């Protein structure tokens, strides 16, 4: 079984008989997949291996970047540059023409915790979460003392200014914008919920719980406003109002996912040691 239907509306999003395909189950721990619509490939992180891998239908798998400072979340900006959150360095880097530039490393003179996931707004402002997972010694991090006493959500403006938008979180993780970008959804993994904020200048306002979700990780939104959260057993799907619709299943914890293919209706899922795909009915939003 590849789909767990909890509400009939899930049938509009993914067919009950859709079959998940394992493209590989030979990685350490996969995260941060991003689809390039022009070159038709997916780039994703393997945190323990400290590498970025790339997959395409034509060429299969290859190593794209090695090492990566235990890279986690990735995204593209409007210019097609890859932005990456690094666990081991506590930095956010931007790649351009093969060169890597640090665009965030400290707040108020102190090292960031461990940037985790990242999105770019249409005005080129970059938003990212900063929990502490990457400072825990183990396969996903490098043990270090914390310098900040909170876990925040930040914005990097096009001029490089770093602004703390909010810090009322236990473990801020995945994040995504609503369709008109006036709303920012943030997953708080430890608190097991997804919150809905209004973005108002330099602050996040509101913050009501949009949906309870078991250990939500990566967040995305599709073209009609359904919200998706990686988590235990797969990708958990919620209606625009927050109703739980069901799970697009994976054999292990699904940290993240993205849509790809020419019609953006192939969902690629990074789940523990695996990299999977499944066809869905509703396309996702392109990154650039």
C-alpha atoms as a PDB file:
ATOM      1  CA  UNK A   1       0.000   0.000   0.000  1.00  0.00           C
ATOM      2  CA  UNK A   2       1.271   3.505  -0.879  1.00  0.00           C
ATOM      3  CA  UNK A   3      -1.640   5.726   0.203  1.00  0.00           C
ATOM      4  CA  UNK A   4      -3.489   5.871   3.538  1.00  0.00           C
ATOM      5  CA  UNK A   5      -6.806   7.653   2.920  1.00  0.00           C
ATOM      6  CA  UNK A   6      -8.338   9.298   5.993  1.00  0.00           C
ATOM      7  CA  UNK A   7     -10.711  11.654   4.126  1.00  0.00           C
ATOM      8  CA  UNK A   8     -12.302  11.205   0.689  1.00  0.00           C
ATOM      9  CA  UNK A   9     -10.804  14.479  -0.547  1.00  0.00           C
ATOM     10  CA  UNK A  10      -7.401  12.788  -0.644  1.00  0.00           C
ATOM     11  CA  UNK A  11      -8.606  10.899  -3.735  1.00  0.00           C
ATOM     12  CA  UNK A  12      -8.512  14.207  -5.621  1.00  0.00           C
ATOM     13  CA  UNK A  13      -4.858  14.670  -4.691  1.00  0.00           C
ATOM     14  CA  UNK A  14      -3.454  11.165  -5.188  1.00  0.00           C
ATOM     15  CA  UNK A  15      -5.134   8.064  -6.576  1.00  0.00           C
ATOM     16  CA  UNK A  16      -5.783   5.257  -4.123  1.00  0.00           C
ATOM     17  CA  UNK A  17      -3.966   2.831  -6.423  1.00  0.00           C
ATOM     18  CA  UNK A  18      -0.896   5.046  -6.965  1.00  0.00           C
ATOM     19  CA  UNK A  19       2.296   3.041  -6.503  1.00  0.00           C
ATOM     20  CA  UNK A  20       5.416   4.310  -4.807  1.00  0.00           C
ATOM     21  CA  UNK A  21       8.687   3.496  -6.584  1.00  0.00           C
ATOM     22  CA  UNK A  22      12.005   3.128  -4.773  1.00  0.00           C
ATOM     23  CA  UNK A  23      14.729   4.762  -6.852  1.00  0.00           C
ATOM     24  CA  UNK A  24      17.352   3.865  -4.232  1.00  0.00           C
ATOM     25  CA  UNK A  25      17.493   2.738  -0.596  1.00  0.00           C
ATOM     26  CA  UNK A  26      21.273   2.952  -0.231  1.00  0.00           C
ATOM     27  CA  UNK A  27      21.838   6.338   1.444  1.00  0.00           C
ATOM     28  CA  UNK A  28      22.601   7.424   5.009  1.00  0.00           C
ATOM     29  CA  UNK A  29      19.731   9.854   5.711  1.00  0.00           C
ATOM     30  CA  UNK A  30      18.179  11.803   2.852  1.00  0.00           C
ATOM     31  CA  UNK A  31      16.796  15.346   3.075  1.00  0.00           C
ATOM     32  CA  UNK A  32      16.142  18.603   1.220  1.00  0.00           C
ATOM     33  CA  UNK A  33      15.116  17.518  -2.329  1.00  0.00           C
ATOM     34  CA  UNK A  34      14.719  20.273  -4.943  1.00  0.00           C
ATOM     35  CA  UNK A  35      13.623  19.928  -8.572  1.00  0.00           C
ATOM     36  CA  UNK A  36      15.261  21.913 -11.365  1.00  0.00           C
ATOM     37  CA  UNK A  37      12.614  22.282 -14.106  1.00  0.00           C
ATOM     38  CA  UNK A  38      15.085  23.476 -16.731  1.00  0.00           C
ATOM     39  CA  UNK A  39      17.699  20.751 -16.334  1.00  0.00           C
ATOM     40  CA  UNK A  40      15.147  18.149 -15.145  1.00  0.00           C
ATOM     41  CA  UNK A  41      16.933  16.768 -12.098  1.00  0.00           C
ATOM     42  CA  UNK A  42      16.503  16.502  -8.329  1.00  0.00           C
ATOM     43  CA  UNK A  43      19.292  17.513  -5.949  1.00  0.00           C
ATOM     44  CA  UNK A  44      19.100  16.286  -2.345  1.00  0.00           C
ATOM     45  CA  UNK A  45      21.184  16.007   0.822  1.00  0.00           C
ATOM     46  CA  UNK A  46      22.582  12.968   2.562  1.00  0.00           C
ATOM     47  CA  UNK A  47      23.323  14.380   6.014  1.00  0.00           C
ATOM     48  CA  UNK A  48      25.546  11.605   7.491  1.00  0.00           C
ATOM     49  CA  UNK A  49      27.526  11.304   4.253  1.00  0.00           C
ATOM     50  CA  UNK A  50      27.892  15.113   4.074  1.00  0.00           C
ATOM     51  CA  UNK A  51      27.123  15.092   0.358  1.00  0.00           C
ATOM     52  CA  UNK A  52      24.624  16.483  -2.100  1.00  0.00           C
ATOM     53  CA  UNK A  53      23.418  13.906  -4.598  1.00  0.00           C
ATOM     54  CA  UNK A  54      21.691  14.500  -7.900  1.00  0.00           C
ATOM     55  CA  UNK A  55      19.268  12.253  -9.777  1.00  0.00           C
ATOM     56  CA  UNK A  56      17.798  12.480 -13.259  1.00  0.00           C
ATOM     57  CA  UNK A  57      15.872  10.052 -15.420  1.00  0.00           C
ATOM     58  CA  UNK A  58      18.600  10.221 -18.024  1.00  0.00           C
ATOM     59  CA  UNK A  59      21.679   9.878 -15.819  1.00  0.00           C
ATOM     60  CA  UNK A  60      20.565   8.243 -12.575  1.00  0.00           C
ATOM     61  CA  UNK A  61      22.460   9.183  -9.397  1.00  0.00           C
ATOM     62  CA  UNK A  62      25.666  11.165  -9.073  1.00  0.00           C
ATOM     63  CA  UNK A  63      27.479  13.102  -6.345  1.00  0.00           C
ATOM     64  CA  UNK A  64      26.912  16.832  -6.847  1.00  0.00           C
ATOM     65  CA  UNK A  65      28.795  18.334  -3.880  1.00  0.00           C
ATOM     66  CA  UNK A  66      31.245  16.742  -1.467  1.00  0.00           C
ATOM     67  CA  UNK A  67      31.650  17.668   1.354  1.00  0.00           C
ATOM     68  CA  UNK A  68      28.682  19.804   2.448  1.00  0.00           C
ATOM     69  CA  UNK A  69      29.139  20.399   6.222  1.00  0.00           C
ATOM     70  CA  UNK A  70      26.255  17.951   6.767  1.00  0.00           C
ATOM     71  CA  UNK A  71      23.834  19.862   4.551  1.00  0.00           C
ATOM     72  CA  UNK A  72      20.130  19.580   5.336  1.00  0.00           C
ATOM     73  CA  UNK A  73      17.503  21.757   3.632  1.00  0.00           C
ATOM     74  CA  UNK A  74      17.974  23.195   0.140  1.00  0.00           C
ATOM     75  CA  UNK A  75      16.047  25.501  -2.155  1.00  0.00           C
ATOM     76  CA  UNK A  76      16.474  27.560  -5.318  1.00  0.00           C
ATOM     77  CA  UNK A  77      16.173  31.313  -5.582  1.00  0.00           C
ATOM     78  CA  UNK A  78      14.643  33.082  -8.579  1.00  0.00           C
ATOM     79  CA  UNK A  79      17.994  33.068 -10.381  1.00  0.00           C
ATOM     80  CA  UNK A  80      18.299  29.296 -10.049  1.00  0.00           C
ATOM     81  CA  UNK A  81      21.025  29.409  -7.395  1.00  0.00           C
ATOM     82  CA  UNK A  82      21.018  26.681  -4.752  1.00  0.00           C
ATOM     83  CA  UNK A  83      20.702  27.814  -1.115  1.00  0.00           C
ATOM     84  CA  UNK A  84      21.704  25.255   1.518  1.00  0.00           C
ATOM     85  CA  UNK A  85      21.383  24.959   5.300  1.00  0.00           C
ATOM     86  CA  UNK A  86      24.432  23.355   6.911  1.00  0.00           C
ATOM     87  CA  UNK A  87      24.256  21.465  10.206  1.00  0.00           C
ATOM     88  CA  UNK A  88      27.971  21.156  10.966  1.00  0.00           C
ATOM     89  CA  UNK A  89      28.924  24.775  10.207  1.00  0.00           C
ATOM     90  CA  UNK A  90      25.706  26.469  11.439  1.00  0.00           C
ATOM     91  CA  UNK A  91      25.632  28.481   8.230  1.00  0.00           C
ATOM     92  CA  UNK A  92      23.459  29.151   5.200  1.00  0.00           C
ATOM     93  CA  UNK A  93      25.335  29.198   1.912  1.00  0.00           C
ATOM     94  CA  UNK A  94      24.442  30.234  -1.635  1.00  0.00           C
ATOM     95  CA  UNK A  95      26.027  28.627  -4.667  1.00  0.00           C
ATOM     96  CA  UNK A  96      26.730  30.640  -7.803  1.00  0.00           C
ATOM     97  CA  UNK A  97      28.881  29.507 -10.715  1.00  0.00           C
ATOM     98  CA  UNK A  98      30.366  26.785  -8.525  1.00  0.00           C
ATOM     99  CA  UNK A  99      31.392  29.161  -5.732  1.00  0.00           C
ATOM    100  CA  UNK A 100      29.813  29.028  -2.254  1.00  0.00           C
ATOM    101  CA  UNK A 101      29.062  32.232  -0.332  1.00  0.00           C
ATOM    102  CA  UNK A 102      27.995  32.373   3.327  1.00  0.00           C
ATOM    103  CA  UNK A 103      24.818  34.448   3.596  1.00  0.00           C
ATOM    104  CA  UNK A 104      24.017  33.775   7.280  1.00  0.00           C
ATOM    105  CA  UNK A 105      26.175  32.533  10.157  1.00  0.00           C
ATOM    106  CA  UNK A 106      25.608  34.698  13.266  1.00  0.00           C
ATOM    107  CA  UNK A 107      22.820  36.599  14.985  1.00  0.00           C
ATOM    108  CA  UNK A 108      23.638  39.363  17.467  1.00  0.00           C
ATOM    109  CA  UNK A 109      27.282  38.277  17.414  1.00  0.00           C
ATOM    110  CA  UNK A 110      26.503  34.638  18.259  1.00  0.00           C
ATOM    111  CA  UNK A 111      26.630  31.575  16.034  1.00  0.00           C
ATOM    112  CA  UNK A 112      23.335  30.310  14.707  1.00  0.00           C
ATOM    113  CA  UNK A 113      22.196  26.976  16.145  1.00  0.00           C
ATOM    114  CA  UNK A 114      21.990  24.812  13.006  1.00  0.00           C
ATOM    115  CA  UNK A 115      19.970  26.144  10.058  1.00  0.00           C
ATOM    116  CA  UNK A 116      17.551  23.445   8.971  1.00  0.00           C
ATOM    117  CA  UNK A 117      15.097  24.313   6.205  1.00  0.00           C
ATOM    118  CA  UNK A 118      14.806  27.227   3.820  1.00  0.00           C
ATOM    119  CA  UNK A 119      12.428  28.973   1.383  1.00  0.00           C
ATOM    120  CA  UNK A 120      12.659  32.035  -0.852  1.00  0.00           C
ATOM    121  CA  UNK A 121       9.850  34.577  -1.257  1.00  0.00           C
ATOM    122  CA  UNK A 122       9.110  36.105  -4.656  1.00  0.00           C
ATOM    123  CA  UNK A 123      10.895  39.337  -3.631  1.00  0.00           C
ATOM    124  CA  UNK A 124      14.108  37.299  -3.099  1.00  0.00           C
ATOM    125  CA  UNK A 125      13.900  37.446   0.706  1.00  0.00           C
ATOM    126  CA  UNK A 126      15.153  34.163   2.219  1.00  0.00           C
ATOM    127  CA  UNK A 127      13.436  32.579   5.231  1.00  0.00           C
ATOM    128  CA  UNK A 128      14.952  29.752   7.284  1.00  0.00           C
ATOM    129  CA  UNK A 129      14.486  27.855  10.537  1.00  0.00           C
ATOM    130  CA  UNK A 130      17.195  27.344  13.166  1.00  0.00           C
ATOM    131  CA  UNK A 131      16.638  24.460  15.614  1.00  0.00           C
ATOM    132  CA  UNK A 132      19.482  22.658  17.410  1.00  0.00           C
ATOM    133  CA  UNK A 133      19.629  19.242  15.723  1.00  0.00           C
ATOM    134  CA  UNK A 134      22.935  19.928  13.997  1.00  0.00           C
ATOM    135  CA  UNK A 135      24.678  20.617  17.324  1.00  0.00           C
ATOM    136  CA  UNK A 136      23.890  17.145  18.643  1.00  0.00           C
ATOM    137  CA  UNK A 137      26.755  14.693  18.250  1.00  0.00           C
ATOM    138  CA  UNK A 138      25.790  11.854  15.951  1.00  0.00           C
ATOM    139  CA  UNK A 139      25.026  10.984  12.342  1.00  0.00           C
ATOM    140  CA  UNK A 140      23.059  14.216  11.787  1.00  0.00           C
ATOM    141  CA  UNK A 141      25.246  16.700  13.622  1.00  0.00           C
ATOM    142  CA  UNK A 142      28.485  17.768  15.220  1.00  0.00           C
ATOM    143  CA  UNK A 143      28.389  18.173  18.991  1.00  0.00           C
ATOM    144  CA  UNK A 144      28.928  21.790  20.042  1.00  0.00           C
ATOM    145  CA  UNK A 145      27.683  24.098  22.784  1.00  0.00           C
ATOM    146  CA  UNK A 146      24.841  26.440  21.922  1.00  0.00           C
ATOM    147  CA  UNK A 147      25.538  30.168  21.756  1.00  0.00           C
ATOM    148  CA  UNK A 148      21.902  31.278  21.365  1.00  0.00           C
ATOM    149  CA  UNK A 149      19.293  30.474  24.014  1.00  0.00           C
ATOM    150  CA  UNK A 150      16.347  30.220  21.596  1.00  0.00           C
ATOM    151  CA  UNK A 151      15.294  28.509  18.356  1.00  0.00           C
ATOM    152  CA  UNK A 152      14.271  31.053  15.760  1.00  0.00           C
ATOM    153  CA  UNK A 153      12.864  31.743  12.326  1.00  0.00           C
ATOM    154  CA  UNK A 154      14.835  34.310  10.320  1.00  0.00           C
ATOM    155  CA  UNK A 155      14.723  36.371   7.145  1.00  0.00           C
ATOM    156  CA  UNK A 156      17.705  37.339   4.998  1.00  0.00           C
ATOM    157  CA  UNK A 157      16.963  40.388   2.866  1.00  0.00           C
ATOM    158  CA  UNK A 158      18.476  40.791  -0.614  1.00  0.00           C
ATOM    159  CA  UNK A 159      20.987  43.276   0.856  1.00  0.00           C
ATOM    160  CA  UNK A 160      22.185  40.607   3.323  1.00  0.00           C
ATOM    161  CA  UNK A 161      20.442  41.921   6.459  1.00  0.00           C
ATOM    162  CA  UNK A 162      19.492  39.121   8.857  1.00  0.00           C
ATOM    163  CA  UNK A 163      16.292  39.639  10.875  1.00  0.00           C
ATOM    164  CA  UNK A 164      14.902  37.428  13.635  1.00  0.00           C
ATOM    165  CA  UNK A 165      11.173  37.096  12.936  1.00  0.00           C
ATOM    166  CA  UNK A 166      10.137  34.871  15.816  1.00  0.00           C
ATOM    167  CA  UNK A 167      11.513  32.585  18.529  1.00  0.00           C
ATOM    168  CA  UNK A 168       8.440  31.040  20.167  1.00  0.00           C
ATOM    169  CA  UNK A 169       9.388  27.542  19.074  1.00  0.00           C
ATOM    170  CA  UNK A 170      10.722  24.330  20.539  1.00  0.00           C
ATOM    171  CA  UNK A 171      12.105  22.918  17.285  1.00  0.00           C
ATOM    172  CA  UNK A 172      11.211  24.993  14.202  1.00  0.00           C
ATOM    173  CA  UNK A 173      11.737  22.777  11.200  1.00  0.00           C
ATOM    174  CA  UNK A 174       9.999  22.841   7.809  1.00  0.00           C
ATOM    175  CA  UNK A 175       8.408  26.030   6.518  1.00  0.00           C
ATOM    176  CA  UNK A 176       6.464  27.162   3.459  1.00  0.00           C
ATOM    177  CA  UNK A 177       4.450  30.140   2.258  1.00  0.00           C
ATOM    178  CA  UNK A 178       0.754  30.193   1.527  1.00  0.00           C
ATOM    179  CA  UNK A 179      -0.264  30.754  -2.062  1.00  0.00           C
ATOM    180  CA  UNK A 180      -0.242  34.572  -1.856  1.00  0.00           C
ATOM    181  CA  UNK A 181       2.824  34.632   0.458  1.00  0.00           C
ATOM    182  CA  UNK A 182       1.009  36.595   3.171  1.00  0.00           C
ATOM    183  CA  UNK A 183       1.042  33.495   5.387  1.00  0.00           C
ATOM    184  CA  UNK A 184       4.025  31.462   6.569  1.00  0.00           C
ATOM    185  CA  UNK A 185       3.508  27.914   7.842  1.00  0.00           C
ATOM    186  CA  UNK A 186       6.115  26.609  10.295  1.00  0.00           C
ATOM    187  CA  UNK A 187       6.436  23.060  11.572  1.00  0.00           C
ATOM    188  CA  UNK A 188       7.436  22.679  15.225  1.00  0.00           C
ATOM    189  CA  UNK A 189       8.562  19.067  15.375  1.00  0.00           C
ATOM    190  CA  UNK A 190       8.801  18.642  19.151  1.00  0.00           C
ATOM    191  CA  UNK A 191       5.418  20.227  19.757  1.00  0.00           C
ATOM    192  CA  UNK A 192       3.866  18.071  17.015  1.00  0.00           C
ATOM    193  CA  UNK A 193       2.026  20.816  15.213  1.00  0.00           C
ATOM    194  CA  UNK A 194       2.103  23.199  12.259  1.00  0.00           C
ATOM    195  CA  UNK A 195       1.524  26.879  12.966  1.00  0.00           C
ATOM    196  CA  UNK A 196       0.123  29.558  10.678  1.00  0.00           C
ATOM    197  CA  UNK A 197       1.639  33.048  10.846  1.00  0.00           C
ATOM    198  CA  UNK A 198       0.901  36.311   9.094  1.00  0.00           C
ATOM    199  CA  UNK A 199       4.093  37.915   7.833  1.00  0.00           C
ATOM    200  CA  UNK A 200       3.960  41.568   8.911  1.00  0.00           C
ATOM    201  CA  UNK A 201       7.153  43.479   8.226  1.00  0.00           C
ATOM    202  CA  UNK A 202       9.834  42.252  10.613  1.00  0.00           C
ATOM    203  CA  UNK A 203       7.567  40.038  12.702  1.00  0.00           C
ATOM    204  CA  UNK A 204       5.471  36.896  12.501  1.00  0.00           C
ATOM    205  CA  UNK A 205       1.991  37.539  13.884  1.00  0.00           C
ATOM    206  CA  UNK A 206      -0.754  35.157  14.900  1.00  0.00           C
ATOM    207  CA  UNK A 207       0.836  31.749  15.142  1.00  0.00           C
ATOM    208  CA  UNK A 208      -2.314  29.733  15.717  1.00  0.00           C
ATOM    209  CA  UNK A 209      -2.031  25.976  15.316  1.00  0.00           C
ATOM    210  CA  UNK A 210      -3.029  25.124  11.746  1.00  0.00           C
ATOM    211  CA  UNK A 211      -2.901  21.364  12.271  1.00  0.00           C
ATOM    212  CA  UNK A 212      -1.705  18.803  14.766  1.00  0.00           C
ATOM    213  CA  UNK A 213       0.843  16.580  13.063  1.00  0.00           C
ATOM    214  CA  UNK A 214       3.074  13.781  14.396  1.00  0.00           C
ATOM    215  CA  UNK A 215       6.663  15.065  14.279  1.00  0.00           C
ATOM    216  CA  UNK A 216       6.215  17.315  11.202  1.00  0.00           C
ATOM    217  CA  UNK A 217       9.397  17.904   9.224  1.00  0.00           C
ATOM    218  CA  UNK A 218       9.545  19.368   5.693  1.00  0.00           C
ATOM    219  CA  UNK A 219       6.553  21.494   4.615  1.00  0.00           C
ATOM    220  CA  UNK A 220       5.245  22.312   1.135  1.00  0.00           C
ATOM    221  CA  UNK A 221       2.065  23.673  -0.464  1.00  0.00           C
ATOM    222  CA  UNK A 222       0.497  22.615  -3.748  1.00  0.00           C
ATOM    223  CA  UNK A 223      -1.114  24.799  -6.406  1.00  0.00           C
ATOM    224  CA  UNK A 224      -4.579  24.700  -4.806  1.00  0.00           C
ATOM    225  CA  UNK A 225      -3.481  25.354  -1.211  1.00  0.00           C
ATOM    226  CA  UNK A 226      -3.226  21.899   0.351  1.00  0.00           C
ATOM    227  CA  UNK A 227      -0.395  21.722   2.904  1.00  0.00           C
ATOM    228  CA  UNK A 228       1.934  18.716   3.106  1.00  0.00           C
ATOM    229  CA  UNK A 229       4.226  17.708   5.981  1.00  0.00           C
ATOM    230  CA  UNK A 230       6.903  15.049   5.953  1.00  0.00           C
ATOM    231  CA  UNK A 231       6.791  12.860   9.025  1.00  0.00           C
ATOM    232  CA  UNK A 232       6.375   9.350  10.438  1.00  0.00           C
ATOM    233  CA  UNK A 233       5.326   6.944   7.705  1.00  0.00           C
ATOM    234  CA  UNK A 234       5.279   9.412   4.840  1.00  0.00           C
ATOM    235  CA  UNK A 235       3.891  12.744   3.680  1.00  0.00           C
ATOM    236  CA  UNK A 236       0.883  13.903   5.719  1.00  0.00           C
ATOM    237  CA  UNK A 237      -1.655  15.899   3.701  1.00  0.00           C
ATOM    238  CA  UNK A 238      -3.912  18.680   5.042  1.00  0.00           C
ATOM    239  CA  UNK A 239      -6.629  20.665   3.315  1.00  0.00           C
ATOM    240  CA  UNK A 240      -6.321  24.472   3.075  1.00  0.00           C
ATOM    241  CA  UNK A 241      -8.456  24.599   6.242  1.00  0.00           C
ATOM    242  CA  UNK A 242      -6.219  22.178   8.140  1.00  0.00           C
ATOM    243  CA  UNK A 243      -8.297  18.998   7.843  1.00  0.00           C
ATOM    244  CA  UNK A 244      -6.156  15.862   7.879  1.00  0.00           C
ATOM    245  CA  UNK A 245      -6.728  14.000   4.600  1.00  0.00           C
ATOM    246  CA  UNK A 246      -4.276  11.110   4.818  1.00  0.00           C
ATOM    247  CA  UNK A 247      -0.714   9.987   4.169  1.00  0.00           C
ATOM    248  CA  UNK A 248       1.298   9.355   1.020  1.00  0.00           C
ATOM    249  CA  UNK A 249       3.277   6.539   2.539  1.00  0.00           C
ATOM    250  CA  UNK A 250       6.974   5.739   2.719  1.00  0.00           C
ATOM    251  CA  UNK A 251       8.633   2.716   4.387  1.00  0.00           C
ATOM    252  CA  UNK A 252      10.377   4.944   6.946  1.00  0.00           C
ATOM    253  CA  UNK A 253      10.233   8.470   8.364  1.00  0.00           C
ATOM    254  CA  UNK A 254       9.889  10.934   5.466  1.00  0.00           C
ATOM    255  CA  UNK A 255      11.972  13.993   6.244  1.00  0.00           C
ATOM    256  CA  UNK A 256      11.144  15.929   3.083  1.00  0.00           C
ATOM    257  CA  UNK A 257       9.802  15.849  -0.459  1.00  0.00           C
ATOM    258  CA  UNK A 258       9.298  17.922  -3.591  1.00  0.00           C
ATOM    259  CA  UNK A 259       7.329  17.858  -6.812  1.00  0.00           C
ATOM    260  CA  UNK A 260       9.010  17.354 -10.170  1.00  0.00           C
ATOM    261  CA  UNK A 261       8.588  16.117 -13.692  1.00  0.00           C
ATOM    262  CA  UNK A 262       7.451  18.222 -16.611  1.00  0.00           C
ATOM    263  CA  UNK A 263       3.967  18.577 -15.104  1.00  0.00           C
ATOM    264  CA  UNK A 264       5.133  18.874 -11.451  1.00  0.00           C
ATOM    265  CA  UNK A 265       2.989  15.867 -10.600  1.00  0.00           C
ATOM    266  CA  UNK A 266       5.753  13.466  -9.622  1.00  0.00           C
ATOM    267  CA  UNK A 267       6.410  13.618  -5.888  1.00  0.00           C
ATOM    268  CA  UNK A 268       9.985  12.782  -4.878  1.00  0.00           C
ATOM    269  CA  UNK A 269      10.339  11.751  -1.224  1.00  0.00           C
ATOM    270  CA  UNK A 270      13.456  11.556   0.946  1.00  0.00           C
ATOM    271  CA  UNK A 271      12.789   8.982   3.659  1.00  0.00           C
ATOM    272  CA  UNK A 272      15.610   7.750   5.879  1.00  0.00           C
ATOM    273  CA  UNK A 273      17.997   5.779   3.625  1.00  0.00           C
ATOM    274  CA  UNK A 274      15.649   5.943   0.638  1.00  0.00           C
ATOM    275  CA  UNK A 275      14.741   8.132  -2.313  1.00  0.00           C
ATOM    276  CA  UNK A 276      11.263   7.474  -3.723  1.00  0.00           C
ATOM    277  CA  UNK A 277       8.755   8.817  -6.222  1.00  0.00           C
ATOM    278  CA  UNK A 278       5.009   8.552  -6.766  1.00  0.00           C
ATOM    279  CA  UNK A 279       2.594  10.142  -9.215  1.00  0.00           C
ATOM    280  CA  UNK A 280      -0.005  12.556  -7.833  1.00  0.00           C
ATOM    281  CA  UNK A 281      -2.951  14.420  -9.340  1.00  0.00           C
ATOM    282  CA  UNK A 282      -2.352  17.964  -8.080  1.00  0.00           C
ATOM    283  CA  UNK A 283       0.912  19.669  -9.095  1.00  0.00           C
ATOM    284  CA  UNK A 284       3.220  21.396  -6.686  1.00  0.00           C
ATOM    285  CA  UNK A 285       4.550  24.932  -6.977  1.00  0.00           C
ATOM    286  CA  UNK A 286       7.809  25.413  -8.891  1.00  0.00           C
ATOM    287  CA  UNK A 287      10.745  26.900  -6.971  1.00  0.00           C
ATOM    288  CA  UNK A 288      11.849  29.070  -9.907  1.00  0.00           C
END
